[in-house]
Amino acid sequence: MKKILNILIVLVLASSLTGCNYNSLVEKQQAVDQSWAEVENQYQRRADLIPNLVSTVKGYASHESSTLEKVTEARAKATSITIDADNLNKETLAKYQQAQGELSQALKSLLSVTEAYPDLKANENFINLQTQLEGTENRVTTARGRYTQAVATYNTAIKKFPTIIYAGWFGFTPKPQFQAEAGASSAPKVEF
């Protein structure tokens, strides 16, 4: 009888610990999902600004059509890749990040082309769009930072003892982190 009572006590204690940790893991997983939604929201904001930016540049630099086409194509590719928070993994995140990186490069090319057009650089619409784009890039960086922190907290929680024993039973698997873009470890060459 004493053995049965001891077993019941252990089961009750184990189940209460599991319940508390389970709820905590659910909260952490929701934080990751919410953070990912914010990342997507900021990338969408950037994508929404691009058609106006391209239209404004077209009016001044119509013979820069290849640059404008690259931006439009990169935007289309970047917006065609969506990832549900439940399907986040290293491969899908890498594909998403690559498409967003290509769009960033295309935008850099577009903005560097505008240096040759003083009238465009002075255009109020262009200045406003450029300011909004810069602000959005800052928001993207902030959202990615929050996502990274939420993932670190979540991944740490599912790997701690005793949670590691049963986290997988309930479907809690590690979430991927953003990776630095290729060449990010090298300092850019600055020439004057």
Protein backbone atom coordinates (compact mmCIF):
# COMPACT_ATOMS: atom_id res chain seq x y z
CA MET A 1 0.00 0.00 0.00
CA LYS A 2 2.86 2.36 0.86
CA LYS A 3 4.46 1.68 -2.57
CA ILE A 4 1.23 2.57 -4.36
CA LEU A 5 0.93 5.76 -2.33
CA ASN A 6 4.54 6.72 -3.16
CA ILE A 7 3.93 6.04 -6.85
CA LEU A 8 0.78 8.19 -6.80
CA ILE A 9 2.63 11.02 -5.10
CA VAL A 10 5.41 10.87 -7.68
CA LEU A 11 2.87 10.82 -10.54
CA VAL A 12 0.96 13.78 -9.10
CA LEU A 13 4.18 15.77 -8.63
CA ALA A 14 5.42 14.87 -12.11
CA SER A 15 2.10 15.78 -13.72
CA SER A 16 1.93 19.11 -11.89
CA LEU A 17 5.47 19.97 -13.01
CA THR A 18 4.63 18.93 -16.56
CA GLY A 19 1.50 21.05 -16.57
CA CYS A 20 3.36 24.13 -15.40
CA ASN A 21 6.16 23.66 -17.89
CA TYR A 22 3.72 22.82 -20.66
CA ASN A 23 1.88 26.09 -20.15
CA SER A 24 5.16 27.96 -20.04
CA LEU A 25 6.25 26.32 -23.30
CA VAL A 26 2.95 27.24 -24.93
CA GLU A 27 3.49 30.87 -23.90
CA LYS A 28 7.04 30.84 -25.27
CA GLN A 29 5.91 29.24 -28.51
CA GLN A 30 3.22 31.90 -28.87
CA ALA A 31 5.86 34.59 -28.33
CA VAL A 32 7.90 33.10 -31.18
CA ASP A 33 4.82 32.99 -33.43
CA GLN A 34 3.90 36.58 -32.60
CA SER A 35 7.46 37.74 -33.19
CA TRP A 36 7.52 35.97 -36.55
CA ALA A 37 4.24 37.65 -37.52
CA GLU A 38 5.83 41.02 -36.76
CA VAL A 39 8.84 40.18 -38.96
CA GLU A 40 6.50 39.33 -41.82
CA ASN A 41 4.45 42.46 -41.17
CA GLN A 42 7.51 44.70 -41.48
CA TYR A 43 8.73 42.95 -44.63
CA GLN A 44 5.23 43.41 -46.09
CA ARG A 45 5.35 47.11 -45.20
CA ARG A 46 8.61 47.36 -47.13
CA ALA A 47 7.13 45.51 -50.10
CA ASP A 48 4.14 47.85 -50.09
CA LEU A 49 6.42 50.91 -50.37
CA ILE A 50 8.35 49.59 -53.35
CA PRO A 51 5.76 50.14 -56.14
CA ASN A 52 5.49 53.81 -55.18
CA LEU A 53 9.27 54.14 -55.04
CA VAL A 54 9.67 52.46 -58.44
CA SER A 55 6.97 54.69 -59.97
CA THR A 56 8.63 57.82 -58.66
CA VAL A 57 12.04 56.76 -59.96
CA LYS A 58 10.53 55.78 -63.36
CA GLY A 59 9.42 59.35 -63.88
CA TYR A 60 12.99 60.60 -63.65
CA ALA A 61 15.11 57.65 -64.74
CA SER A 62 13.08 55.78 -67.32
CA HIS A 63 16.22 54.52 -69.11
CA GLU A 64 17.21 52.64 -65.93
CA SER A 65 14.62 50.00 -66.82
CA SER A 66 16.82 47.00 -66.01
CA THR A 67 17.32 48.22 -62.43
CA LEU A 68 13.60 48.91 -62.07
CA GLU A 69 12.78 45.45 -63.44
CA LYS A 70 15.18 43.80 -61.00
CA VAL A 71 13.51 45.56 -58.08
CA THR A 72 10.06 44.56 -59.31
CA GLU A 73 11.11 40.94 -59.84
CA ALA A 74 12.82 40.75 -56.44
CA ARG A 75 9.72 42.19 -54.79
CA ALA A 76 7.50 39.64 -56.52
CA LYS A 77 9.78 36.80 -55.44
CA ALA A 78 10.03 38.05 -51.85
CA THR A 79 6.28 38.47 -51.47
CA SER A 80 5.54 35.08 -53.00
CA ILE A 81 7.37 33.30 -50.18
CA THR A 82 5.31 33.12 -47.03
CA ILE A 83 5.94 30.90 -44.06
CA ASP A 84 3.37 29.95 -41.50
CA ALA A 85 4.85 30.12 -38.00
CA ASP A 86 4.05 26.42 -37.53
CA ASN A 87 6.17 25.52 -40.56
CA LEU A 88 9.28 27.49 -39.62
CA ASN A 89 12.40 25.44 -40.10
CA LYS A 90 15.96 26.13 -41.21
CA GLU A 91 15.26 25.46 -44.89
CA THR A 92 12.11 27.58 -45.19
CA LEU A 93 13.67 30.41 -43.19
CA ALA A 94 16.81 30.33 -45.34
CA LYS A 95 14.71 30.51 -48.51
CA TYR A 96 12.67 33.39 -47.08
CA GLN A 97 15.80 35.20 -45.93
CA GLN A 98 17.46 34.75 -49.33
CA ALA A 99 14.48 36.27 -51.15
CA GLN A 100 14.40 39.21 -48.73
CA GLY A 101 18.17 39.64 -49.16
CA GLU A 102 17.80 39.77 -52.94
CA LEU A 103 15.15 42.45 -52.54
CA SER A 104 17.45 44.42 -50.22
CA GLN A 105 20.23 44.25 -52.82
CA ALA A 106 17.88 45.36 -55.59
CA LEU A 107 16.74 48.30 -53.48
CA LYS A 108 20.36 49.28 -52.80
CA SER A 109 20.98 49.26 -56.56
CA LEU A 110 17.89 51.38 -57.15
CA LEU A 111 18.88 53.91 -54.52
CA SER A 112 22.45 54.10 -55.84
CA VAL A 113 21.11 54.79 -59.36
CA THR A 114 19.16 57.73 -58.00
CA GLU A 115 22.42 59.47 -57.07
CA ALA A 116 22.81 60.34 -60.76
CA TYR A 117 19.49 62.22 -60.80
CA PRO A 118 19.61 65.41 -58.72
CA ASP A 119 16.01 66.32 -59.57
CA LEU A 120 14.84 62.94 -58.30
CA LYS A 121 16.86 63.26 -55.12
CA ALA A 122 15.14 66.61 -54.52
CA ASN A 123 11.64 65.27 -55.29
CA GLU A 124 9.46 65.48 -52.19
CA ASN A 125 7.68 62.18 -52.91
CA PHE A 126 10.98 60.40 -53.37
CA ILE A 127 12.43 61.88 -50.19
CA ASN A 128 9.31 60.84 -48.27
CA LEU A 129 9.39 57.30 -49.69
CA GLN A 130 13.10 56.98 -49.00
CA THR A 131 12.54 58.10 -45.40
CA GLN A 132 9.70 55.61 -44.99
CA LEU A 133 11.87 52.86 -46.46
CA GLU A 134 14.72 53.67 -44.07
CA GLY A 135 12.29 53.62 -41.15
CA THR A 136 10.90 50.30 -42.32
CA GLU A 137 14.39 48.80 -42.57
CA ASN A 138 14.92 49.83 -38.94
CA ARG A 139 11.60 48.21 -38.01
CA VAL A 140 12.62 45.03 -39.82
CA THR A 141 15.85 44.95 -37.83
CA THR A 142 13.96 45.47 -34.57
CA ALA A 143 11.37 42.79 -35.42
CA ARG A 144 14.10 40.33 -36.36
CA GLY A 145 15.86 41.07 -33.07
CA ARG A 146 12.68 40.38 -31.11
CA TYR A 147 12.13 37.17 -33.04
CA THR A 148 15.70 36.09 -32.33
CA GLN A 149 15.23 36.74 -28.62
CA ALA A 150 11.89 34.88 -28.51
CA VAL A 151 13.43 31.90 -30.32
CA ALA A 152 16.42 31.86 -27.97
CA THR A 153 14.13 31.85 -24.93
CA TYR A 154 11.91 29.13 -26.41
CA ASN A 155 14.79 26.92 -27.62
CA THR A 156 16.51 27.21 -24.25
CA ALA A 157 13.31 26.28 -22.42
CA ILE A 158 12.72 23.10 -24.43
CA LYS A 159 16.31 21.97 -23.92
CA LYS A 160 16.39 22.38 -20.13
CA PHE A 161 16.03 19.44 -17.79
CA PRO A 162 13.43 18.03 -17.08
CA THR A 163 11.52 19.72 -19.91
CA ILE A 164 13.74 18.12 -22.55
CA ILE A 165 12.34 14.74 -21.53
CA TYR A 166 8.77 15.51 -22.54
CA ALA A 167 8.92 18.61 -24.77
CA GLY A 168 9.11 16.43 -27.87
CA TRP A 169 6.12 14.38 -26.72
CA PHE A 170 4.00 17.52 -26.92
CA GLY A 171 5.43 18.65 -30.26
CA PHE A 172 7.77 21.38 -29.01
CA THR A 173 10.68 21.35 -31.44
CA PRO A 174 13.48 23.92 -31.86
CA LYS A 175 12.72 27.00 -33.97
CA PRO A 176 15.26 28.34 -36.49
CA GLN A 177 17.23 31.53 -36.08
CA PHE A 178 18.10 34.06 -38.75
CA GLN A 179 21.57 33.54 -40.19
CA ALA A 180 23.93 36.28 -41.27
CA GLU A 181 23.92 36.91 -45.00
CA ALA A 182 26.82 35.59 -47.04
CA GLY A 183 29.77 37.94 -46.77
CA ALA A 184 28.43 39.67 -43.66
CA SER A 185 31.48 38.60 -41.69
CA SER A 186 33.77 40.66 -43.94
CA ALA A 187 34.04 44.38 -43.38
CA PRO A 188 32.93 46.40 -46.41
CA LYS A 189 35.67 48.11 -48.38
CA VAL A 190 35.40 51.89 -48.10
CA GLU A 191 37.06 54.05 -50.71
CA PHE A 192 37.31 57.82 -50.83
